[in-house]
PDB file of N, CA and C in Angstrom:
ATOM      1  N   MET A   1      10.391  25.948  34.319  1.00  0.00           N
ATOM      2  CA  MET A   1       9.434  26.335  33.328  1.00  0.00           C
ATOM      3  C   MET A   1      10.110  26.428  31.977  1.00  0.00           C
ATOM      4  N   LYS A   2      11.313  27.087  31.868  1.00  0.00           N
ATOM      5  CA  LYS A   2      12.102  27.281  30.672  1.00  0.00           C
ATOM      6  C   LYS A   2      12.452  25.878  30.148  1.00  0.00           C
ATOM      7  N   ARG A   3      12.916  25.056  31.083  1.00  0.00           N
ATOM      8  CA  ARG A   3      13.343  23.647  30.643  1.00  0.00           C
ATOM      9  C   ARG A   3      12.197  22.883  30.047  1.00  0.00           C
ATOM     10  N   GLY A   4      11.047  23.014  30.589  1.00  0.00           N
ATOM     11  CA  GLY A   4       9.832  22.325  30.111  1.00  0.00           C
ATOM     12  C   GLY A   4       9.447  22.835  28.707  1.00  0.00           C
ATOM     13  N   LEU A   5       9.561  24.166  28.515  1.00  0.00           N
ATOM     14  CA  LEU A   5       9.225  24.672  27.220  1.00  0.00           C
ATOM     15  C   LEU A   5      10.196  24.254  26.157  1.00  0.00           C
ATOM     16  N   ALA A   6      11.527  24.300  26.600  1.00  0.00           N
ATOM     17  CA  ALA A   6      12.550  23.866  25.635  1.00  0.00           C
ATOM     18  C   ALA A   6      12.406  22.371  25.201  1.00  0.00           C
ATOM     19  N   MET A   7      11.997  21.513  26.209  1.00  0.00           N
ATOM     20  CA  MET A   7      11.801  20.064  25.882  1.00  0.00           C
ATOM     21  C   MET A   7      10.629  19.904  24.980  1.00  0.00           C
ATOM     22  N   LEU A   8       9.577  20.689  25.146  1.00  0.00           N
ATOM     23  CA  LEU A   8       8.378  20.712  24.277  1.00  0.00           C
ATOM     24  C   LEU A   8       8.764  21.052  22.897  1.00  0.00           C
ATOM     25  N   ALA A   9       9.499  22.225  22.801  1.00  0.00           N
ATOM     26  CA  ALA A   9       9.904  22.722  21.514  1.00  0.00           C
ATOM     27  C   ALA A   9      10.839  21.690  20.765  1.00  0.00           C
ATOM     28  N   PHE A  10      11.709  21.036  21.436  1.00  0.00           N
ATOM     29  CA  PHE A  10      12.607  20.010  20.837  1.00  0.00           C
ATOM     30  C   PHE A  10      11.836  18.829  20.420  1.00  0.00           C
ATOM     31  N   ALA A  11      10.799  18.427  21.255  1.00  0.00           N
ATOM     32  CA  ALA A  11       9.948  17.239  20.789  1.00  0.00           C
ATOM     33  C   ALA A  11       9.116  17.615  19.544  1.00  0.00           C
ATOM     34  N   ALA A  12       8.659  18.835  19.458  1.00  0.00           N
ATOM     35  CA  ALA A  12       7.838  19.222  18.279  1.00  0.00           C
ATOM     36  C   ALA A  12       8.695  19.294  17.027  1.00  0.00           C
ATOM     37  N   MET A  13       9.998  19.714  17.191  1.00  0.00           N
ATOM     38  CA  MET A  13      10.884  19.788  15.993  1.00  0.00           C
ATOM     39  C   MET A  13      11.251  18.358  15.492  1.00  0.00           C
ATOM     40  N   THR A  14      11.315  17.377  16.440  1.00  0.00           N
ATOM     41  CA  THR A  14      11.713  16.083  16.008  1.00  0.00           C
ATOM     42  C   THR A  14      10.696  15.146  15.541  1.00  0.00           C
ATOM     43  N   LEU A  15       9.433  15.629  15.626  1.00  0.00           N
ATOM     44  CA  LEU A  15       8.292  14.787  15.112  1.00  0.00           C
ATOM     45  C   LEU A  15       8.392  14.807  13.562  1.00  0.00           C
ATOM     46  N   PRO A  16       8.047  13.707  12.951  1.00  0.00           N
ATOM     47  CA  PRO A  16       8.146  13.578  11.537  1.00  0.00           C
ATOM     48  C   PRO A  16       6.936  14.394  10.942  1.00  0.00           C
ATOM     49  N   ILE A  17       7.244  15.033   9.845  1.00  0.00           N
ATOM     50  CA  ILE A  17       6.213  15.845   9.104  1.00  0.00           C
ATOM     51  C   ILE A  17       5.635  14.874   8.128  1.00  0.00           C
ATOM     52  N   THR A  18       4.335  14.636   8.127  1.00  0.00           N
ATOM     53  CA  THR A  18       3.663  13.759   7.243  1.00  0.00           C
ATOM     54  C   THR A  18       2.478  14.423   6.562  1.00  0.00           C
ATOM     55  N   ALA A  19       2.200  14.041   5.349  1.00  0.00           N
ATOM     56  CA  ALA A  19       1.056  14.628   4.704  1.00  0.00           C
ATOM     57  C   ALA A  19      -0.167  13.905   5.113  1.00  0.00           C
ATOM     58  N   THR A  20      -1.292  14.575   5.090  1.00  0.00           N
ATOM     59  CA  THR A  20      -2.486  13.921   5.614  1.00  0.00           C
ATOM     60  C   THR A  20      -2.992  12.985   4.503  1.00  0.00           C
ATOM     61  N   ALA A  21      -3.279  11.793   4.848  1.00  0.00           N
ATOM     62  CA  ALA A  21      -3.772  10.746   3.918  1.00  0.00           C
ATOM     63  C   ALA A  21      -4.746   9.867   4.584  1.00  0.00           C
ATOM     64  N   ALA A  22      -5.514   9.104   3.803  1.00  0.00           N
ATOM     65  CA  ALA A  22      -6.413   8.158   4.376  1.00  0.00           C
ATOM     66  C   ALA A  22      -5.663   7.159   5.154  1.00  0.00           C
ATOM     67  N   PRO A  23      -6.087   6.698   6.327  1.00  0.00           N
ATOM     68  CA  PRO A  23      -5.295   5.680   6.967  1.00  0.00           C
ATOM     69  C   PRO A  23      -5.240   4.343   6.256  1.00  0.00           C
ATOM     70  N   GLY A  24      -4.077   3.712   6.210  1.00  0.00           N
ATOM     71  CA  GLY A  24      -3.888   2.458   5.549  1.00  0.00           C
ATOM     72  C   GLY A  24      -4.219   1.315   6.449  1.00  0.00           C
ATOM     73  N   ARG A  25      -4.170   0.103   5.806  1.00  0.00           N
ATOM     74  CA  ARG A  25      -4.456  -1.133   6.589  1.00  0.00           C
ATOM     75  C   ARG A  25      -3.839  -2.337   5.839  1.00  0.00           C
ATOM     76  N   PHE A  26      -3.597  -3.355   6.504  1.00  0.00           N
ATOM     77  CA  PHE A  26      -3.221  -4.667   5.955  1.00  0.00           C
ATOM     78  C   PHE A  26      -4.371  -5.395   5.531  1.00  0.00           C
ATOM     79  N   THR A  27      -4.248  -6.171   4.457  1.00  0.00           N
ATOM     80  CA  THR A  27      -5.403  -6.976   3.914  1.00  0.00           C
ATOM     81  C   THR A  27      -5.481  -8.246   4.669  1.00  0.00           C
ATOM     82  N   GLY A  28      -4.448  -8.709   5.281  1.00  0.00           N
ATOM     83  CA  GLY A  28      -4.358 -10.077   5.768  1.00  0.00           C
ATOM     84  C   GLY A  28      -3.826 -10.960   4.683  1.00  0.00           C
ATOM     85  N   ALA A  29      -3.251 -12.143   5.039  1.00  0.00           N
ATOM     86  CA  ALA A  29      -2.711 -13.027   4.070  1.00  0.00           C
ATOM     87  C   ALA A  29      -3.682 -13.645   3.157  1.00  0.00           C
ATOM     88  N   PHE A  30      -3.383 -13.665   1.861  1.00  0.00           N
ATOM     89  CA  PHE A  30      -4.267 -14.282   0.809  1.00  0.00           C
ATOM     90  C   PHE A  30      -3.351 -14.642  -0.388  1.00  0.00           C
ATOM     91  N   LYS A  31      -3.903 -15.614  -1.191  1.00  0.00           N
ATOM     92  CA  LYS A  31      -3.225 -15.884  -2.475  1.00  0.00           C
ATOM     93  C   LYS A  31      -3.776 -15.076  -3.545  1.00  0.00           C
ATOM     94  N   PRO A  32      -3.004 -14.295  -4.210  1.00  0.00           N
ATOM     95  CA  PRO A  32      -3.494 -13.408  -5.258  1.00  0.00           C
ATOM     96  C   PRO A  32      -4.087 -14.243  -6.397  1.00  0.00           C
ATOM     97  N   ALA A  33      -5.262 -13.707  -6.940  1.00  0.00           N
ATOM     98  CA  ALA A  33      -6.022 -14.475  -7.982  1.00  0.00           C
ATOM     99  C   ALA A  33      -5.431 -14.255  -9.338  1.00  0.00           C
ATOM    100  N   GLY A  34      -4.517 -13.304  -9.453  1.00  0.00           N
ATOM    101  CA  GLY A  34      -3.969 -13.066 -10.766  1.00  0.00           C
ATOM    102  C   GLY A  34      -3.757 -11.540 -11.022  1.00  0.00           C
ATOM    103  N   PRO A  35      -2.840 -11.238 -11.904  1.00  0.00           N
ATOM    104  CA  PRO A  35      -2.617  -9.908 -12.267  1.00  0.00           C
ATOM    105  C   PRO A  35      -3.404  -9.427 -13.347  1.00  0.00           C
ATOM    106  N   TYR A  36      -3.644  -8.099 -13.406  1.00  0.00           N
ATOM    107  CA  TYR A  36      -4.365  -7.448 -14.507  1.00  0.00           C
ATOM    108  C   TYR A  36      -3.445  -6.209 -14.817  1.00  0.00           C
ATOM    109  N   VAL A  37      -3.156  -5.981 -16.027  1.00  0.00           N
ATOM    110  CA  VAL A  37      -2.275  -4.797 -16.420  1.00  0.00           C
ATOM    111  C   VAL A  37      -3.040  -3.874 -17.346  1.00  0.00           C
ATOM    112  N   SER A  38      -3.020  -2.613 -17.052  1.00  0.00           N
ATOM    113  CA  SER A  38      -3.718  -1.547 -17.791  1.00  0.00           C
ATOM    114  C   SER A  38      -2.709  -0.529 -18.238  1.00  0.00           C
ATOM    115  N   GLY A  39      -3.188   0.688 -18.539  1.00  0.00           N
ATOM    116  CA  GLY A  39      -2.332   1.800 -18.909  1.00  0.00           C
ATOM    117  C   GLY A  39      -1.504   2.263 -17.708  1.00  0.00           C
ATOM    118  N   GLY A  40      -0.338   2.983 -17.934  1.00  0.00           N
ATOM    119  CA  GLY A  40       0.638   3.302 -16.995  1.00  0.00           C
ATOM    120  C   GLY A  40       0.124   3.900 -15.651  1.00  0.00           C
ATOM    121  N   ASN A  41      -0.936   4.835 -15.752  1.00  0.00           N
ATOM    122  CA  ASN A  41      -1.384   5.489 -14.574  1.00  0.00           C
ATOM    123  C   ASN A  41      -2.975   5.279 -14.456  1.00  0.00           C
ATOM    124  N   ASN A  42      -3.388   4.186 -15.081  1.00  0.00           N
ATOM    125  CA  ASN A  42      -4.809   3.810 -15.009  1.00  0.00           C
ATOM    126  C   ASN A  42      -5.004   2.608 -14.160  1.00  0.00           C
ATOM    127  N   TYR A  43      -4.529   2.712 -12.878  1.00  0.00           N
ATOM    128  CA  TYR A  43      -4.534   1.522 -12.055  1.00  0.00           C
ATOM    129  C   TYR A  43      -3.696   0.436 -12.730  1.00  0.00           C
ATOM    130  N   TYR A  44      -2.521   0.822 -13.102  1.00  0.00           N
ATOM    131  CA  TYR A  44      -1.643   0.074 -14.033  1.00  0.00           C
ATOM    132  C   TYR A  44      -1.562  -1.446 -13.757  1.00  0.00           C
ATOM    133  N   PHE A  45      -1.020  -1.800 -12.577  1.00  0.00           N
ATOM    134  CA  PHE A  45      -0.877  -3.244 -12.263  1.00  0.00           C
ATOM    135  C   PHE A  45      -1.811  -3.545 -11.078  1.00  0.00           C
ATOM    136  N   ARG A  46      -2.704  -4.473 -11.295  1.00  0.00           N
ATOM    137  CA  ARG A  46      -3.669  -4.804 -10.260  1.00  0.00           C
ATOM    138  C   ARG A  46      -3.588  -6.178  -9.778  1.00  0.00           C
ATOM    139  N   VAL A  47      -3.646  -6.299  -8.442  1.00  0.00           N
ATOM    140  CA  VAL A  47      -3.578  -7.666  -7.745  1.00  0.00           C
ATOM    141  C   VAL A  47      -5.071  -7.981  -7.434  1.00  0.00           C
ATOM    142  N   GLN A  48      -5.552  -8.972  -7.943  1.00  0.00           N
ATOM    143  CA  GLN A  48      -6.980  -9.380  -7.737  1.00  0.00           C
ATOM    144  C   GLN A  48      -7.097 -10.401  -6.637  1.00  0.00           C
ATOM    145  N   GLY A  49      -8.370 -10.591  -6.216  1.00  0.00           N
ATOM    146  CA  GLY A  49      -8.604 -11.547  -5.191  1.00  0.00           C
ATOM    147  C   GLY A  49      -8.506 -11.147  -3.734  1.00  0.00           C
ATOM    148  N   LEU A  50      -8.510  -9.853  -3.535  1.00  0.00           N
ATOM    149  CA  LEU A  50      -8.419  -9.267  -2.161  1.00  0.00           C
ATOM    150  C   LEU A  50      -9.548  -9.861  -1.271  1.00  0.00           C
ATOM    151  N   PRO A  51      -9.222 -10.232   0.003  1.00  0.00           N
ATOM    152  CA  PRO A  51     -10.350 -10.683   0.839  1.00  0.00           C
ATOM    153  C   PRO A  51     -11.175  -9.527   1.253  1.00  0.00           C
ATOM    154  N   ASP A  52     -12.413  -9.829   1.613  1.00  0.00           N
ATOM    155  CA  ASP A  52     -13.304  -8.795   2.061  1.00  0.00           C
ATOM    156  C   ASP A  52     -12.751  -7.947   3.277  1.00  0.00           C
ATOM    157  N   SER A  53     -11.938  -8.585   4.092  1.00  0.00           N
ATOM    158  CA  SER A  53     -11.325  -8.006   5.271  1.00  0.00           C
ATOM    159  C   SER A  53     -10.393  -6.797   4.831  1.00  0.00           C
ATOM    160  N   ALA A  54     -10.026  -6.696   3.515  1.00  0.00           N
ATOM    161  CA  ALA A  54      -9.175  -5.574   3.145  1.00  0.00           C
ATOM    162  C   ALA A  54     -10.010  -4.234   3.226  1.00  0.00           C
ATOM    163  N   GLY A  55     -11.266  -4.320   3.162  1.00  0.00           N
ATOM    164  CA  GLY A  55     -12.053  -3.072   3.312  1.00  0.00           C
ATOM    165  C   GLY A  55     -12.063  -2.252   2.075  1.00  0.00           C
ATOM    166  N   CYS A  56     -11.696  -2.780   0.877  1.00  0.00           N
ATOM    167  CA  CYS A  56     -11.654  -2.063  -0.367  1.00  0.00           C
ATOM    168  C   CYS A  56     -13.023  -2.069  -1.066  1.00  0.00           C
ATOM    169  N   LEU A  57     -13.317  -1.143  -1.913  1.00  0.00           N
ATOM    170  CA  LEU A  57     -14.571  -1.044  -2.626  1.00  0.00           C
ATOM    171  C   LEU A  57     -14.686  -2.223  -3.656  1.00  0.00           C
ATOM    172  N   GLN A  58     -13.493  -2.609  -4.139  1.00  0.00           N
ATOM    173  CA  GLN A  58     -13.379  -3.658  -5.150  1.00  0.00           C
ATOM    174  C   GLN A  58     -12.529  -4.799  -4.671  1.00  0.00           C
ATOM    175  N   ASN A  59     -12.457  -5.903  -5.402  1.00  0.00           N
ATOM    176  CA  ASN A  59     -11.632  -7.016  -4.922  1.00  0.00           C
ATOM    177  C   ASN A  59     -10.252  -6.922  -5.499  1.00  0.00           C
ATOM    178  N   TRP A  60      -9.666  -5.783  -5.787  1.00  0.00           N
ATOM    179  CA  TRP A  60      -8.313  -5.678  -6.290  1.00  0.00           C
ATOM    180  C   TRP A  60      -7.666  -4.387  -5.717  1.00  0.00           C
ATOM    181  N   ALA A  61      -6.337  -4.371  -5.741  1.00  0.00           N
ATOM    182  CA  ALA A  61      -5.583  -3.255  -5.373  1.00  0.00           C
ATOM    183  C   ALA A  61      -4.549  -2.946  -6.456  1.00  0.00           C
ATOM    184  N   PHE A  62      -4.051  -1.793  -6.544  1.00  0.00           N
ATOM    185  CA  PHE A  62      -3.197  -1.434  -7.605  1.00  0.00           C
ATOM    186  C   PHE A  62      -1.820  -0.792  -7.300  1.00  0.00           C
ATOM    187  N   VAL A  63      -0.979  -0.819  -8.306  1.00  0.00           N
ATOM    188  CA  VAL A  63       0.293  -0.070  -8.277  1.00  0.00           C
ATOM    189  C   VAL A  63       0.367   0.686  -9.617  1.00  0.00           C
ATOM    190  N   ASN A  64       0.496   2.019  -9.552  1.00  0.00           N
ATOM    191  CA  ASN A  64       0.671   2.712 -10.894  1.00  0.00           C
ATOM    192  C   ASN A  64       2.158   2.782 -11.190  1.00  0.00           C
ATOM    193  N   GLU A  65       2.388   2.935 -12.490  1.00  0.00           N
ATOM    194  CA  GLU A  65       3.778   2.933 -13.026  1.00  0.00           C
ATOM    195  C   GLU A  65       4.597   4.029 -12.403  1.00  0.00           C
ATOM    196  N   ALA A  66       3.968   5.197 -12.043  1.00  0.00           N
ATOM    197  CA  ALA A  66       4.659   6.327 -11.425  1.00  0.00           C
ATOM    198  C   ALA A  66       4.896   6.095  -9.882  1.00  0.00           C
ATOM    199  N   ASP A  67       4.303   5.117  -9.328  1.00  0.00           N
ATOM    200  CA  ASP A  67       4.488   4.957  -7.808  1.00  0.00           C
ATOM    201  C   ASP A  67       5.907   4.599  -7.520  1.00  0.00           C
ATOM    202  N   SER A  68       6.344   4.994  -6.294  1.00  0.00           N
ATOM    203  CA  SER A  68       7.618   4.700  -5.793  1.00  0.00           C
ATOM    204  C   SER A  68       7.904   3.218  -5.716  1.00  0.00           C
ATOM    205  N   GLY A  69       8.998   2.733  -6.397  1.00  0.00           N
ATOM    206  CA  GLY A  69       9.333   1.365  -6.317  1.00  0.00           C
ATOM    207  C   GLY A  69       8.419   0.417  -7.091  1.00  0.00           C
ATOM    208  N   SER A  70       7.655   0.977  -8.096  1.00  0.00           N
ATOM    209  CA  SER A  70       6.734   0.207  -8.849  1.00  0.00           C
ATOM    210  C   SER A  70       7.254  -1.006  -9.448  1.00  0.00           C
ATOM    211  N   LYS A  71       8.406  -0.862 -10.091  1.00  0.00           N
ATOM    212  CA  LYS A  71       9.046  -2.055 -10.784  1.00  0.00           C
ATOM    213  C   LYS A  71       9.358  -3.093  -9.866  1.00  0.00           C
ATOM    214  N   ALA A  72       9.937  -2.827  -8.766  1.00  0.00           N
ATOM    215  CA  ALA A  72      10.271  -3.895  -7.694  1.00  0.00           C
ATOM    216  C   ALA A  72       9.000  -4.491  -7.116  1.00  0.00           C
ATOM    217  N   LYS A  73       8.041  -3.594  -6.851  1.00  0.00           N
ATOM    218  CA  LYS A  73       6.707  -4.207  -6.380  1.00  0.00           C
ATOM    219  C   LYS A  73       6.064  -5.113  -7.357  1.00  0.00           C
ATOM    220  N   ILE A  74       6.041  -4.739  -8.626  1.00  0.00           N
ATOM    221  CA  ILE A  74       5.353  -5.515  -9.644  1.00  0.00           C
ATOM    222  C   ILE A  74       6.102  -6.876  -9.883  1.00  0.00           C
ATOM    223  N   ALA A  75       7.458  -6.813  -9.912  1.00  0.00           N
ATOM    224  CA  ALA A  75       8.232  -8.043 -10.085  1.00  0.00           C
ATOM    225  C   ALA A  75       8.016  -8.981  -8.940  1.00  0.00           C
ATOM    226  N   THR A  76       8.077  -8.419  -7.758  1.00  0.00           N
ATOM    227  CA  THR A  76       7.895  -9.272  -6.560  1.00  0.00           C
ATOM    228  C   THR A  76       6.484  -9.892  -6.433  1.00  0.00           C
ATOM    229  N   LEU A  77       5.483  -9.113  -6.824  1.00  0.00           N
ATOM    230  CA  LEU A  77       4.123  -9.632  -6.747  1.00  0.00           C
ATOM    231  C   LEU A  77       3.877 -10.712  -7.879  1.00  0.00           C
ATOM    232  N   LEU A  78       4.512 -10.478  -9.016  1.00  0.00           N
ATOM    233  CA  LEU A  78       4.417 -11.508 -10.062  1.00  0.00           C
ATOM    234  C   LEU A  78       5.184 -12.779  -9.631  1.00  0.00           C
ATOM    235  N   MET A  79       6.259 -12.649  -8.920  1.00  0.00           N
ATOM    236  CA  MET A  79       6.946 -13.772  -8.469  1.00  0.00           C
ATOM    237  C   MET A  79       6.121 -14.586  -7.377  1.00  0.00           C
ATOM    238  N   ALA A  80       5.443 -13.790  -6.518  1.00  0.00           N
ATOM    239  CA  ALA A  80       4.606 -14.403  -5.466  1.00  0.00           C
ATOM    240  C   ALA A  80       3.474 -15.160  -6.178  1.00  0.00           C
ATOM    241  N   TYR A  81       2.799 -14.577  -7.129  1.00  0.00           N
ATOM    242  CA  TYR A  81       1.681 -15.167  -7.834  1.00  0.00           C
ATOM    243  C   TYR A  81       2.180 -16.441  -8.569  1.00  0.00           C
ATOM    244  N   SER A  82       3.286 -16.373  -9.168  1.00  0.00           N
ATOM    245  CA  SER A  82       3.790 -17.575  -9.996  1.00  0.00           C
ATOM    246  C   SER A  82       4.146 -18.688  -9.089  1.00  0.00           C
ATOM    247  N   GLN A  83       4.612 -18.400  -7.857  1.00  0.00           N
ATOM    248  CA  GLN A  83       4.964 -19.449  -6.891  1.00  0.00           C
ATOM    249  C   GLN A  83       3.849 -19.866  -6.009  1.00  0.00           C
ATOM    250  N   GLY A  84       2.670 -19.221  -6.144  1.00  0.00           N
ATOM    251  CA  GLY A  84       1.585 -19.619  -5.329  1.00  0.00           C
ATOM    252  C   GLY A  84       1.749 -19.212  -3.872  1.00  0.00           C
ATOM    253  N   ARG A  85       2.467 -18.142  -3.616  1.00  0.00           N
ATOM    254  CA  ARG A  85       2.639 -17.709  -2.278  1.00  0.00           C
ATOM    255  C   ARG A  85       1.633 -16.816  -1.770  1.00  0.00           C
ATOM    256  N   ASN A  86       1.476 -16.730  -0.455  1.00  0.00           N
ATOM    257  CA  ASN A  86       0.529 -15.745   0.157  1.00  0.00           C
ATOM    258  C   ASN A  86       1.158 -14.441   0.199  1.00  0.00           C
ATOM    259  N   VAL A  87       0.382 -13.334   0.119  1.00  0.00           N
ATOM    260  CA  VAL A  87       0.821 -11.985   0.397  1.00  0.00           C
ATOM    261  C   VAL A  87      -0.065 -11.317   1.253  1.00  0.00           C
ATOM    262  N   SER A  88       0.444 -10.330   1.950  1.00  0.00           N
ATOM    263  CA  SER A  88      -0.371  -9.412   2.861  1.00  0.00           C
ATOM    264  C   SER A  88      -0.013  -8.014   2.395  1.00  0.00           C
ATOM    265  N   LEU A  89      -0.981  -7.353   1.866  1.00  0.00           N
ATOM    266  CA  LEU A  89      -0.768  -5.986   1.290  1.00  0.00           C
ATOM    267  C   LEU A  89      -1.136  -4.981   2.315  1.00  0.00           C
ATOM    268  N   TYR A  90      -0.404  -3.884   2.308  1.00  0.00           N
ATOM    269  CA  TYR A  90      -0.699  -2.645   3.061  1.00  0.00           C
ATOM    270  C   TYR A  90      -1.257  -1.748   2.013  1.00  0.00           C
ATOM    271  N   VAL A  91      -2.552  -1.329   2.114  1.00  0.00           N
ATOM    272  CA  VAL A  91      -3.184  -0.496   1.151  1.00  0.00           C
ATOM    273  C   VAL A  91      -3.675   0.790   1.775  1.00  0.00           C
ATOM    274  N   GLU A  92      -3.806   1.809   0.883  1.00  0.00           N
ATOM    275  CA  GLU A  92      -4.426   3.093   1.211  1.00  0.00           C
ATOM    276  C   GLU A  92      -5.305   3.477   0.115  1.00  0.00           C
ATOM    277  N   GLU A  93      -6.460   4.040   0.406  1.00  0.00           N
ATOM    278  CA  GLU A  93      -7.432   4.505  -0.671  1.00  0.00           C
ATOM    279  C   GLU A  93      -6.899   5.781  -1.314  1.00  0.00           C
ATOM    280  N   ASP A  94      -6.982   5.792  -2.654  1.00  0.00           N
ATOM    281  CA  ASP A  94      -6.691   7.032  -3.359  1.00  0.00           C
ATOM    282  C   ASP A  94      -7.918   7.931  -3.350  1.00  0.00           C
ATOM    283  N   GLY A  95      -7.874   8.976  -4.057  1.00  0.00           N
ATOM    284  CA  GLY A  95      -8.945   9.972  -4.037  1.00  0.00           C
ATOM    285  C   GLY A  95     -10.257   9.442  -4.565  1.00  0.00           C
ATOM    286  N   ALA A  96     -10.251   8.413  -5.431  1.00  0.00           N
ATOM    287  CA  ALA A  96     -11.415   7.868  -6.033  1.00  0.00           C
ATOM    288  C   ALA A  96     -12.006   6.685  -5.225  1.00  0.00           C
ATOM    289  N   GLY A  97     -11.302   6.273  -4.157  1.00  0.00           N
ATOM    290  CA  GLY A  97     -11.727   5.222  -3.382  1.00  0.00           C
ATOM    291  C   GLY A  97     -11.086   3.825  -3.662  1.00  0.00           C
ATOM    292  N   TYR A  98     -10.195   3.743  -4.676  1.00  0.00           N
ATOM    293  CA  TYR A  98      -9.480   2.492  -5.004  1.00  0.00           C
ATOM    294  C   TYR A  98      -8.291   2.328  -4.142  1.00  0.00           C
ATOM    295  N   CYS A  99      -7.914   1.069  -3.907  1.00  0.00           N
ATOM    296  CA  CYS A  99      -6.843   0.703  -2.866  1.00  0.00           C
ATOM    297  C   CYS A  99      -5.503   0.624  -3.694  1.00  0.00           C
ATOM    298  N   ARG A 100      -4.628   1.537  -3.244  1.00  0.00           N
ATOM    299  CA  ARG A 100      -3.254   1.529  -3.732  1.00  0.00           C
ATOM    300  C   ARG A 100      -2.382   0.655  -2.834  1.00  0.00           C
ATOM    301  N   ILE A 101      -1.508  -0.040  -3.436  1.00  0.00           N
ATOM    302  CA  ILE A 101      -0.573  -0.915  -2.651  1.00  0.00           C
ATOM    303  C   ILE A 101       0.619  -0.057  -2.284  1.00  0.00           C
ATOM    304  N   VAL A 102       0.733   0.106  -0.970  1.00  0.00           N
ATOM    305  CA  VAL A 102       1.878   0.948  -0.500  1.00  0.00           C
ATOM    306  C   VAL A 102       3.079   0.026  -0.127  1.00  0.00           C
ATOM    307  N   GLU A 103       2.835  -1.040   0.507  1.00  0.00           N
ATOM    308  CA  GLU A 103       3.946  -2.033   0.805  1.00  0.00           C
ATOM    309  C   GLU A 103       3.178  -3.434   1.027  1.00  0.00           C
ATOM    310  N   PHE A 104       4.024  -4.427   1.059  1.00  0.00           N
ATOM    311  CA  PHE A 104       3.437  -5.755   1.226  1.00  0.00           C
ATOM    312  C   PHE A 104       4.556  -6.786   1.733  1.00  0.00           C
ATOM    313  N   VAL A 105       4.054  -7.957   2.169  1.00  0.00           N
ATOM    314  CA  VAL A 105       4.834  -8.943   2.666  1.00  0.00           C
ATOM    315  C   VAL A 105       4.492 -10.203   1.901  1.00  0.00           C
ATOM    316  N   VAL A 106       5.528 -10.897   1.309  1.00  0.00           N
ATOM    317  CA  VAL A 106       5.332 -12.151   0.762  1.00  0.00           C
ATOM    318  C   VAL A 106       5.610 -13.281   1.740  1.00  0.00           C
ATOM    319  N   GLN A 107       4.730 -14.202   1.902  1.00  0.00           N
ATOM    320  CA  GLN A 107       4.955 -15.255   2.946  1.00  0.00           C
ATOM    321  C   GLN A 107       5.114 -16.565   2.352  1.00  0.00           C
TER     322      GLN A 107
END
Protein backbone atom coordinates (compact mmCIF):
# COMPACT_ATOMS: atom_id res chain seq x y z
CA MET A 1 0.00 0.00 0.00
CA LYS A 2 2.78 2.44 0.93
CA ARG A 3 4.65 1.60 -2.27
CA GLY A 4 1.53 2.26 -4.36
CA LEU A 5 0.98 5.63 -2.69
CA ALA A 6 4.64 6.54 -3.16
CA MET A 7 4.44 5.66 -6.86
CA LEU A 8 1.27 7.74 -7.24
CA ALA A 9 2.87 10.72 -5.47
CA PHE A 10 5.98 10.44 -7.66
CA ALA A 11 3.88 10.30 -10.81
CA ALA A 12 1.91 13.39 -9.74
CA MET A 13 5.13 15.32 -9.06
CA THR A 14 6.60 14.48 -12.47
CA LEU A 15 3.57 15.53 -14.51
CA PRO A 16 4.16 18.81 -16.34
CA ILE A 17 2.30 21.80 -14.98
CA THR A 18 0.43 23.56 -17.77
CA ALA A 19 -1.84 26.56 -17.88
CA THR A 20 -5.33 25.96 -19.08
CA ALA A 21 -5.79 27.12 -22.65
CA ALA A 22 -8.03 26.43 -25.56
CA PRO A 23 -6.93 23.27 -27.32
CA GLY A 24 -4.84 23.91 -30.41
CA ARG A 25 -4.94 22.24 -33.78
CA PHE A 26 -3.02 22.01 -37.03
CA THR A 27 -4.47 23.76 -40.07
CA GLY A 28 -3.28 21.21 -42.59
CA ALA A 29 -0.87 22.10 -45.39
CA PHE A 30 -1.69 25.17 -47.48
CA LYS A 31 0.07 27.94 -49.43
CA PRO A 32 -0.16 31.24 -47.52
CA ALA A 33 -2.02 33.91 -49.52
CA GLY A 34 0.20 36.67 -48.24
CA PRO A 35 1.25 38.57 -45.15
CA TYR A 36 -0.53 41.47 -43.51
CA VAL A 37 1.35 43.62 -40.97
CA SER A 38 -0.35 45.74 -38.30
CA GLY A 39 0.63 47.33 -34.96
CA GLY A 40 2.92 45.36 -32.62
CA ASN A 41 0.22 43.71 -30.51
CA ASN A 42 -2.76 44.27 -32.79
CA TYR A 43 -2.55 40.84 -34.44
CA TYR A 44 0.82 42.13 -35.70
CA PHE A 45 1.81 39.67 -38.44
CA ARG A 46 -1.00 37.81 -40.12
CA VAL A 47 -0.83 34.82 -42.43
CA GLN A 48 -3.82 34.84 -44.73
CA GLY A 49 -5.51 32.11 -46.73
CA LEU A 50 -6.10 29.56 -43.98
CA PRO A 51 -8.18 26.62 -45.15
CA ASP A 52 -11.64 26.14 -43.62
CA SER A 53 -10.28 23.02 -41.93
CA ALA A 54 -8.30 25.31 -39.59
CA GLY A 55 -11.52 25.98 -37.71
CA CYS A 56 -10.74 29.69 -37.24
CA LEU A 57 -13.38 32.40 -37.27
CA GLN A 58 -11.44 34.25 -39.97
CA ASN A 59 -9.18 33.13 -42.83
CA TRP A 60 -5.98 34.33 -41.13
CA ALA A 61 -3.82 33.55 -38.10
CA PHE A 62 -1.44 35.89 -36.30
CA VAL A 63 1.84 36.31 -34.45
CA ASN A 64 2.14 39.30 -32.11
CA GLU A 65 5.44 41.11 -31.72
CA ALA A 66 5.58 40.11 -28.03
CA ASP A 67 5.01 36.38 -28.75
CA SER A 68 7.82 33.96 -28.00
CA GLY A 69 10.06 33.57 -31.06
CA SER A 70 8.08 36.13 -33.08
CA LYS A 71 11.06 37.34 -35.13
CA ALA A 72 12.05 33.82 -36.15
CA LYS A 73 8.44 32.85 -36.87
CA ILE A 74 7.87 35.93 -39.03
CA ALA A 75 11.14 35.53 -40.93
CA THR A 76 10.44 31.86 -41.63
CA LEU A 77 6.85 32.50 -42.70
CA LEU A 78 8.01 35.28 -45.05
CA MET A 79 10.58 32.90 -46.53
CA ALA A 80 7.93 30.23 -47.03
CA TYR A 81 5.61 32.73 -48.70
CA SER A 82 8.31 34.11 -51.01
CA GLN A 83 9.34 30.59 -52.07
CA GLY A 84 5.77 29.41 -52.61
CA ARG A 85 6.11 26.68 -50.00
CA ASN A 86 3.28 25.00 -48.13
CA VAL A 87 2.96 25.53 -44.38
CA SER A 88 1.00 23.74 -41.70
CA LEU A 89 0.28 25.98 -38.72
CA TYR A 90 -0.50 24.89 -35.18
CA VAL A 91 -2.97 27.49 -33.90
CA GLU A 92 -4.76 28.27 -30.65
CA GLU A 93 -7.61 30.72 -30.18
CA ASP A 94 -6.92 33.81 -28.10
CA GLY A 95 -9.52 35.30 -25.75
CA ALA A 96 -11.25 37.13 -28.63
CA GLY A 97 -11.52 34.01 -30.81
CA TYR A 98 -8.69 34.84 -33.23
CA CYS A 99 -6.13 32.16 -34.12
CA ARG A 100 -2.60 32.67 -32.75
CA ILE A 101 0.24 30.81 -34.49
CA VAL A 102 1.97 28.71 -31.84
CA GLU A 103 4.23 26.67 -34.11
CA PHE A 104 4.37 25.56 -37.70
CA VAL A 105 6.04 23.37 -40.29
CA VAL A 106 7.29 24.55 -43.68
CA GLN A 107 7.03 21.82 -46.30
